[in-house]
Every structure is written in structure tokens, then in C-alpha cells.
Amino acid sequence: MFQPITIPFGAVVLSNVVKLKEGVTVDDAELVLGEMCNVVKNTYGNEEGGFIAGQVFKYTGFVSEEGSFDDSKTVDDHLLIVTYWKSFEQHEHSHADKVFKEKFAALAELCDDTYELGYEMLWQGEPED
């Protein structure tokens, strides 16, 4: 569950921003989020399903002065769910699943907003030894 992941070149990444309602904490959402992620991992984590790996991040409030054109921007608290897939079509198929939709609806009840954007990988690299 907490081991490093390897992402093959050519994967697609889906980035889902989840803005929790005021007064809802990460702890409040953790069980629902975990159940939703387990549906994807356990049902679609095979060749046919196309799920490669996923990560969940909590926004911590810092904005990079070095990596931003305008470091004065502010962003509301949110979670970021990042999933890696063999194809966008496989991602969409998994999210049309009845059980997944039920779990996502439970998460959405805790949110003001959620949106998911997809990206194709253009480059990846690691430092050379």
C-alpha cells in the first residue's frame, strides 16, 4: 500500500481535484476515499482493466516562488487523486462501474467541487547513477 510505484512510458495520468466542504476534514473523507480507491485497484488492476497505480495528496498550502509565474496565487484546501492508466478508455470504463459510482457519490457528498483532468505522458526521467 505504501511502496514505490513504477510508471511505464506511454501511460496516461488522471488528476482529480477534490475540494472538501467547509468543516469536512481529510479524516472525515479518508474511509470513503480508501473504499473508492480499493474498488479501482482491486477491480481494474490487471491487464484488461488498465489501472497501473495511484496516489492521493493533501494540499499543504505552499506555492513555489521558483516554479510559478505568479506566486501570489492562493488555492483553496483540496485533495489530489492521481491515477495512472494504460489508456484513457480503460479509465473511463472503470469509472462507469456501478460500484465505483456509488463510492464516488459518497465522496462527492463531502465535496463542494471535484474535477478530473487527463494527461498523456510526454517525458519521464530519473537521475543517472
N, C-alpha and C. Protein backbone atom coordinates (compact mmCIF):
# COMPACT_ATOMS: atom_id res chain seq x y z
N MET A 1 0.82 -1.19 0.00
CA MET A 1 0.00 0.00 0.00
C MET A 1 0.87 1.26 0.00
N PHE A 2 2.00 1.25 0.65
CA PHE A 2 2.84 2.44 0.72
C PHE A 2 4.21 2.19 0.12
N GLN A 3 4.28 1.38 -0.94
CA GLN A 3 5.54 1.10 -1.59
C GLN A 3 5.70 2.00 -2.82
N PRO A 4 6.93 2.16 -3.30
CA PRO A 4 7.16 2.96 -4.50
C PRO A 4 6.41 2.38 -5.70
N ILE A 5 6.09 3.25 -6.65
CA ILE A 5 5.41 2.80 -7.87
C ILE A 5 6.31 3.05 -9.07
N THR A 6 6.09 2.29 -10.11
CA THR A 6 6.81 2.45 -11.37
C THR A 6 5.78 2.72 -12.45
N ILE A 7 5.98 3.79 -13.18
CA ILE A 7 5.05 4.19 -14.22
C ILE A 7 5.70 3.97 -15.58
N PRO A 8 5.13 3.08 -16.41
CA PRO A 8 5.72 2.84 -17.73
C PRO A 8 5.50 4.03 -18.66
N PHE A 9 6.47 4.25 -19.53
CA PHE A 9 6.32 5.33 -20.51
C PHE A 9 5.10 5.03 -21.38
N GLY A 10 4.35 6.07 -21.70
CA GLY A 10 3.16 5.92 -22.51
C GLY A 10 1.88 5.86 -21.70
N ALA A 11 2.01 5.84 -20.38
CA ALA A 11 0.82 5.82 -19.53
C ALA A 11 0.09 7.16 -19.63
N VAL A 12 -1.18 7.14 -19.29
CA VAL A 12 -1.93 8.38 -19.14
C VAL A 12 -2.14 8.60 -17.65
N VAL A 13 -2.24 9.86 -17.26
CA VAL A 13 -2.46 10.20 -15.87
C VAL A 13 -3.74 11.01 -15.77
N LEU A 14 -4.55 10.68 -14.79
CA LEU A 14 -5.75 11.43 -14.50
C LEU A 14 -5.56 12.11 -13.15
N SER A 15 -5.82 13.39 -13.11
CA SER A 15 -5.62 14.20 -11.92
C SER A 15 -6.97 14.71 -11.47
N ASN A 16 -7.42 14.24 -10.30
CA ASN A 16 -8.74 14.59 -9.79
C ASN A 16 -8.58 15.49 -8.58
N VAL A 17 -9.05 16.74 -8.71
CA VAL A 17 -9.03 17.69 -7.61
C VAL A 17 -10.34 17.53 -6.84
N VAL A 18 -10.22 17.34 -5.53
CA VAL A 18 -11.37 17.11 -4.66
C VAL A 18 -11.37 18.20 -3.59
N LYS A 19 -12.32 19.13 -3.70
CA LYS A 19 -12.43 20.23 -2.73
C LYS A 19 -13.48 19.87 -1.69
N LEU A 20 -13.03 19.61 -0.48
CA LEU A 20 -13.93 19.22 0.60
C LEU A 20 -14.77 20.42 1.06
N LYS A 21 -16.00 20.14 1.49
CA LYS A 21 -16.87 21.19 2.02
C LYS A 21 -16.25 21.77 3.28
N GLU A 22 -16.60 23.01 3.55
CA GLU A 22 -16.12 23.65 4.77
C GLU A 22 -16.56 22.81 5.96
N GLY A 23 -15.62 22.57 6.86
CA GLY A 23 -15.91 21.78 8.05
C GLY A 23 -15.65 20.28 7.87
N VAL A 24 -15.48 19.83 6.63
CA VAL A 24 -15.16 18.42 6.37
C VAL A 24 -13.65 18.29 6.37
N THR A 25 -13.14 17.34 7.12
CA THR A 25 -11.69 17.15 7.22
C THR A 25 -11.25 15.96 6.35
N VAL A 26 -9.96 15.88 6.15
CA VAL A 26 -9.39 14.72 5.45
C VAL A 26 -9.74 13.45 6.20
N ASP A 27 -9.70 13.50 7.52
CA ASP A 27 -10.07 12.33 8.31
C ASP A 27 -11.51 11.91 8.03
N ASP A 28 -12.41 12.89 7.84
CA ASP A 28 -13.81 12.59 7.53
C ASP A 28 -13.94 11.85 6.21
N ALA A 29 -13.08 12.19 5.25
CA ALA A 29 -13.17 11.64 3.90
C ALA A 29 -12.32 10.39 3.70
N GLU A 30 -11.43 10.10 4.64
CA GLU A 30 -10.43 9.05 4.44
C GLU A 30 -11.02 7.67 4.16
N LEU A 31 -12.02 7.25 4.90
CA LEU A 31 -12.61 5.93 4.70
C LEU A 31 -13.29 5.83 3.34
N VAL A 32 -14.09 6.82 3.00
CA VAL A 32 -14.79 6.83 1.71
C VAL A 32 -13.79 6.83 0.57
N LEU A 33 -12.77 7.64 0.69
CA LEU A 33 -11.72 7.72 -0.33
C LEU A 33 -11.00 6.39 -0.47
N GLY A 34 -10.66 5.78 0.65
CA GLY A 34 -9.99 4.48 0.63
C GLY A 34 -10.84 3.40 -0.02
N GLU A 35 -12.12 3.38 0.27
CA GLU A 35 -13.02 2.39 -0.34
C GLU A 35 -13.09 2.59 -1.85
N MET A 36 -13.18 3.85 -2.28
CA MET A 36 -13.25 4.15 -3.71
C MET A 36 -11.96 3.71 -4.41
N CYS A 37 -10.82 4.03 -3.83
CA CYS A 37 -9.54 3.66 -4.43
C CYS A 37 -9.37 2.14 -4.47
N ASN A 38 -9.85 1.44 -3.46
CA ASN A 38 -9.75 -0.02 -3.45
C ASN A 38 -10.60 -0.66 -4.53
N VAL A 39 -11.76 -0.08 -4.84
CA VAL A 39 -12.58 -0.61 -5.94
C VAL A 39 -11.78 -0.56 -7.23
N VAL A 40 -11.13 0.56 -7.48
CA VAL A 40 -10.34 0.71 -8.71
C VAL A 40 -9.17 -0.28 -8.71
N LYS A 41 -8.40 -0.28 -7.63
CA LYS A 41 -7.21 -1.13 -7.55
C LYS A 41 -7.55 -2.61 -7.67
N ASN A 42 -8.56 -3.04 -6.94
CA ASN A 42 -8.88 -4.47 -6.89
C ASN A 42 -9.67 -4.96 -8.10
N THR A 43 -10.42 -4.08 -8.75
CA THR A 43 -11.24 -4.49 -9.89
C THR A 43 -10.54 -4.26 -11.23
N TYR A 44 -9.75 -3.19 -11.33
CA TYR A 44 -9.18 -2.80 -12.62
C TYR A 44 -7.66 -2.86 -12.66
N GLY A 45 -7.05 -3.42 -11.62
CA GLY A 45 -5.60 -3.50 -11.56
C GLY A 45 -5.05 -4.73 -12.24
N ASN A 46 -5.47 -4.94 -13.47
CA ASN A 46 -4.98 -6.06 -14.27
C ASN A 46 -4.82 -5.58 -15.71
N GLU A 47 -4.34 -6.46 -16.58
CA GLU A 47 -4.08 -6.09 -17.98
C GLU A 47 -5.34 -5.55 -18.66
N GLU A 48 -6.45 -6.23 -18.46
CA GLU A 48 -7.70 -5.82 -19.09
C GLU A 48 -8.21 -4.49 -18.52
N GLY A 49 -8.07 -4.32 -17.19
CA GLY A 49 -8.58 -3.12 -16.54
C GLY A 49 -7.75 -1.89 -16.80
N GLY A 50 -6.43 -2.04 -16.91
CA GLY A 50 -5.56 -0.95 -17.28
C GLY A 50 -5.06 -0.05 -16.17
N PHE A 51 -5.51 -0.27 -14.93
CA PHE A 51 -5.03 0.56 -13.82
C PHE A 51 -3.60 0.17 -13.49
N ILE A 52 -2.71 1.16 -13.43
CA ILE A 52 -1.29 0.93 -13.14
C ILE A 52 -0.98 1.23 -11.68
N ALA A 53 -1.38 2.41 -11.22
CA ALA A 53 -1.07 2.82 -9.85
C ALA A 53 -1.82 4.11 -9.54
N GLY A 54 -1.81 4.49 -8.28
CA GLY A 54 -2.46 5.72 -7.89
C GLY A 54 -1.80 6.32 -6.66
N GLN A 55 -2.10 7.58 -6.43
CA GLN A 55 -1.58 8.31 -5.28
C GLN A 55 -2.63 9.32 -4.84
N VAL A 56 -2.65 9.64 -3.56
CA VAL A 56 -3.52 10.69 -3.03
C VAL A 56 -2.65 11.68 -2.27
N PHE A 57 -2.86 12.95 -2.55
CA PHE A 57 -2.09 14.02 -1.93
C PHE A 57 -3.02 15.00 -1.24
N LYS A 58 -2.56 15.61 -0.15
CA LYS A 58 -3.27 16.68 0.53
C LYS A 58 -2.54 17.98 0.22
N TYR A 59 -3.26 18.99 -0.23
CA TYR A 59 -2.67 20.30 -0.48
C TYR A 59 -2.15 20.85 0.85
N THR A 60 -0.92 21.32 0.83
CA THR A 60 -0.29 21.78 2.07
C THR A 60 -0.18 23.30 2.17
N GLY A 61 -0.55 24.02 1.12
CA GLY A 61 -0.59 25.47 1.21
C GLY A 61 0.60 26.21 0.64
N PHE A 62 1.67 25.50 0.29
CA PHE A 62 2.81 26.23 -0.26
C PHE A 62 2.70 26.37 -1.78
N VAL A 63 3.21 27.51 -2.27
CA VAL A 63 3.27 27.80 -3.69
C VAL A 63 4.73 28.09 -4.02
N SER A 64 5.27 27.45 -5.02
CA SER A 64 6.67 27.62 -5.38
C SER A 64 6.92 28.98 -6.01
N GLU A 65 7.78 29.76 -5.37
CA GLU A 65 8.18 31.04 -5.96
C GLU A 65 9.05 30.81 -7.19
N GLU A 66 9.77 29.71 -7.23
CA GLU A 66 10.68 29.42 -8.33
C GLU A 66 9.98 28.77 -9.52
N GLY A 67 8.89 28.09 -9.27
CA GLY A 67 8.22 27.37 -10.35
C GLY A 67 6.91 27.98 -10.78
N SER A 68 6.61 29.18 -10.33
CA SER A 68 5.34 29.84 -10.66
C SER A 68 5.61 31.20 -11.29
N PHE A 69 4.79 31.57 -12.25
CA PHE A 69 4.89 32.91 -12.82
C PHE A 69 4.34 33.95 -11.85
N ASP A 70 3.31 33.55 -11.09
CA ASP A 70 2.67 34.45 -10.14
C ASP A 70 2.53 33.72 -8.82
N ASP A 71 3.50 33.92 -7.92
CA ASP A 71 3.50 33.19 -6.66
C ASP A 71 2.55 33.78 -5.62
N SER A 72 1.76 34.79 -6.00
CA SER A 72 0.80 35.37 -5.07
C SER A 72 -0.55 34.66 -5.13
N LYS A 73 -0.69 33.72 -6.03
CA LYS A 73 -1.96 33.00 -6.15
C LYS A 73 -2.24 32.21 -4.89
N THR A 74 -3.52 32.13 -4.55
CA THR A 74 -3.93 31.30 -3.43
C THR A 74 -4.86 30.21 -3.96
N VAL A 75 -4.87 29.11 -3.26
CA VAL A 75 -5.67 27.96 -3.67
C VAL A 75 -6.39 27.44 -2.45
N ASP A 76 -7.65 27.08 -2.61
CA ASP A 76 -8.41 26.50 -1.50
C ASP A 76 -7.86 25.13 -1.14
N ASP A 77 -8.09 24.73 0.10
CA ASP A 77 -7.72 23.39 0.52
C ASP A 77 -8.37 22.35 -0.39
N HIS A 78 -7.61 21.34 -0.71
CA HIS A 78 -8.16 20.27 -1.54
C HIS A 78 -7.28 19.04 -1.45
N LEU A 79 -7.79 17.95 -1.97
CA LEU A 79 -7.03 16.71 -2.13
C LEU A 79 -6.79 16.52 -3.61
N LEU A 80 -5.75 15.81 -3.93
CA LEU A 80 -5.45 15.49 -5.32
C LEU A 80 -5.33 13.97 -5.42
N ILE A 81 -6.17 13.38 -6.26
CA ILE A 81 -6.11 11.95 -6.54
C ILE A 81 -5.47 11.80 -7.91
N VAL A 82 -4.33 11.12 -7.95
CA VAL A 82 -3.61 10.92 -9.21
C VAL A 82 -3.65 9.43 -9.52
N THR A 83 -4.16 9.10 -10.72
CA THR A 83 -4.16 7.69 -11.13
C THR A 83 -3.49 7.55 -12.48
N TYR A 84 -2.80 6.44 -12.65
CA TYR A 84 -2.05 6.14 -13.87
C TYR A 84 -2.72 4.95 -14.56
N TRP A 85 -2.92 5.07 -15.86
CA TRP A 85 -3.66 4.07 -16.63
C TRP A 85 -2.94 3.75 -17.92
N LYS A 86 -3.22 2.59 -18.47
CA LYS A 86 -2.68 2.22 -19.77
C LYS A 86 -3.36 3.02 -20.88
N SER A 87 -4.65 3.35 -20.67
CA SER A 87 -5.36 4.17 -21.66
C SER A 87 -6.47 4.96 -20.99
N PHE A 88 -6.85 6.06 -21.62
CA PHE A 88 -7.96 6.87 -21.13
C PHE A 88 -9.26 6.07 -21.20
N GLU A 89 -9.42 5.27 -22.23
CA GLU A 89 -10.64 4.48 -22.38
C GLU A 89 -10.81 3.50 -21.22
N GLN A 90 -9.71 2.91 -20.76
CA GLN A 90 -9.80 1.99 -19.62
C GLN A 90 -10.18 2.74 -18.35
N HIS A 91 -9.65 3.94 -18.19
CA HIS A 91 -10.05 4.78 -17.05
C HIS A 91 -11.55 5.03 -17.08
N GLU A 92 -12.05 5.47 -18.22
CA GLU A 92 -13.46 5.79 -18.34
C GLU A 92 -14.35 4.57 -18.09
N HIS A 93 -13.92 3.42 -18.58
CA HIS A 93 -14.68 2.18 -18.34
C HIS A 93 -14.76 1.89 -16.84
N SER A 94 -13.65 2.06 -16.13
CA SER A 94 -13.64 1.78 -14.68
C SER A 94 -14.57 2.73 -13.94
N HIS A 95 -14.64 3.96 -14.36
CA HIS A 95 -15.44 4.95 -13.65
C HIS A 95 -16.93 4.86 -14.01
N ALA A 96 -17.26 4.08 -15.03
CA ALA A 96 -18.66 3.82 -15.36
C ALA A 96 -19.21 2.65 -14.54
N ASP A 97 -18.31 1.96 -13.82
CA ASP A 97 -18.66 0.81 -12.99
C ASP A 97 -19.65 1.24 -11.89
N LYS A 98 -20.70 0.45 -11.68
CA LYS A 98 -21.75 0.77 -10.70
C LYS A 98 -21.18 0.93 -9.29
N VAL A 99 -20.33 0.00 -8.86
CA VAL A 99 -19.77 0.07 -7.51
C VAL A 99 -18.89 1.31 -7.36
N PHE A 100 -18.07 1.59 -8.38
CA PHE A 100 -17.24 2.80 -8.31
C PHE A 100 -18.12 4.04 -8.20
N LYS A 101 -19.17 4.12 -9.02
CA LYS A 101 -20.04 5.30 -8.99
C LYS A 101 -20.66 5.50 -7.61
N GLU A 102 -21.02 4.41 -6.94
CA GLU A 102 -21.58 4.51 -5.59
C GLU A 102 -20.54 5.08 -4.62
N LYS A 103 -19.31 4.60 -4.70
CA LYS A 103 -18.24 5.09 -3.83
C LYS A 103 -17.91 6.54 -4.13
N PHE A 104 -17.87 6.90 -5.42
CA PHE A 104 -17.57 8.27 -5.79
C PHE A 104 -18.68 9.21 -5.34
N ALA A 105 -19.94 8.76 -5.44
CA ALA A 105 -21.08 9.57 -4.98
C ALA A 105 -20.97 9.85 -3.49
N ALA A 106 -20.51 8.86 -2.71
CA ALA A 106 -20.32 9.06 -1.27
C ALA A 106 -19.24 10.11 -1.01
N LEU A 107 -18.17 10.09 -1.79
CA LEU A 107 -17.12 11.11 -1.66
C LEU A 107 -17.65 12.47 -2.08
N ALA A 108 -18.40 12.52 -3.16
CA ALA A 108 -18.95 13.78 -3.66
C ALA A 108 -19.85 14.46 -2.64
N GLU A 109 -20.51 13.69 -1.80
CA GLU A 109 -21.37 14.25 -0.75
C GLU A 109 -20.55 15.12 0.23
N LEU A 110 -19.27 14.84 0.35
CA LEU A 110 -18.39 15.57 1.26
C LEU A 110 -17.71 16.76 0.59
N CYS A 111 -18.00 16.97 -0.69
CA CYS A 111 -17.25 17.95 -1.50
C CYS A 111 -18.09 19.11 -1.98
N ASP A 112 -17.42 20.25 -2.16
CA ASP A 112 -18.02 21.39 -2.85
C ASP A 112 -17.81 21.27 -4.35
N ASP A 113 -16.69 20.65 -4.72
CA ASP A 113 -16.35 20.57 -6.14
C ASP A 113 -15.38 19.41 -6.33
N THR A 114 -15.43 18.83 -7.49
CA THR A 114 -14.44 17.84 -7.89
C THR A 114 -14.36 17.87 -9.42
N TYR A 115 -13.17 17.81 -9.93
CA TYR A 115 -13.00 17.72 -11.38
C TYR A 115 -11.75 16.91 -11.67
N GLU A 116 -11.80 16.24 -12.83
CA GLU A 116 -10.71 15.33 -13.20
C GLU A 116 -10.22 15.65 -14.60
N LEU A 117 -8.92 15.87 -14.70
CA LEU A 117 -8.29 16.19 -15.97
C LEU A 117 -7.33 15.08 -16.36
N GLY A 118 -7.25 14.78 -17.64
CA GLY A 118 -6.38 13.72 -18.12
C GLY A 118 -5.20 14.26 -18.91
N TYR A 119 -4.08 13.56 -18.79
CA TYR A 119 -2.84 13.97 -19.46
C TYR A 119 -2.17 12.77 -20.09
N GLU A 120 -1.54 12.98 -21.25
CA GLU A 120 -0.69 11.97 -21.88
C GLU A 120 0.75 12.28 -21.52
N MET A 121 1.51 11.25 -21.20
CA MET A 121 2.91 11.43 -20.82
C MET A 121 3.75 11.79 -22.05
N LEU A 122 4.53 12.86 -21.93
CA LEU A 122 5.44 13.28 -22.99
C LEU A 122 6.89 12.98 -22.65
N TRP A 123 7.21 12.95 -21.36
CA TRP A 123 8.59 12.75 -20.93
C TRP A 123 8.60 12.18 -19.53
N GLN A 124 9.60 11.39 -19.23
CA GLN A 124 9.88 10.97 -17.86
C GLN A 124 11.36 10.66 -17.76
N GLY A 125 11.90 10.78 -16.58
CA GLY A 125 13.31 10.50 -16.40
C GLY A 125 13.67 10.40 -14.93
N GLU A 126 14.80 9.79 -14.68
CA GLU A 126 15.37 9.67 -13.34
C GLU A 126 16.82 10.10 -13.42
N PRO A 127 17.37 10.53 -12.29
CA PRO A 127 18.80 10.87 -12.32
C PRO A 127 19.63 9.65 -12.64
N GLU A 128 20.69 9.87 -13.38
CA GLU A 128 21.61 8.78 -13.68
C GLU A 128 22.53 8.55 -12.50
N ASP A 129 22.91 7.30 -12.27
CA ASP A 129 23.80 6.98 -11.13
C ASP A 129 25.20 7.47 -11.38
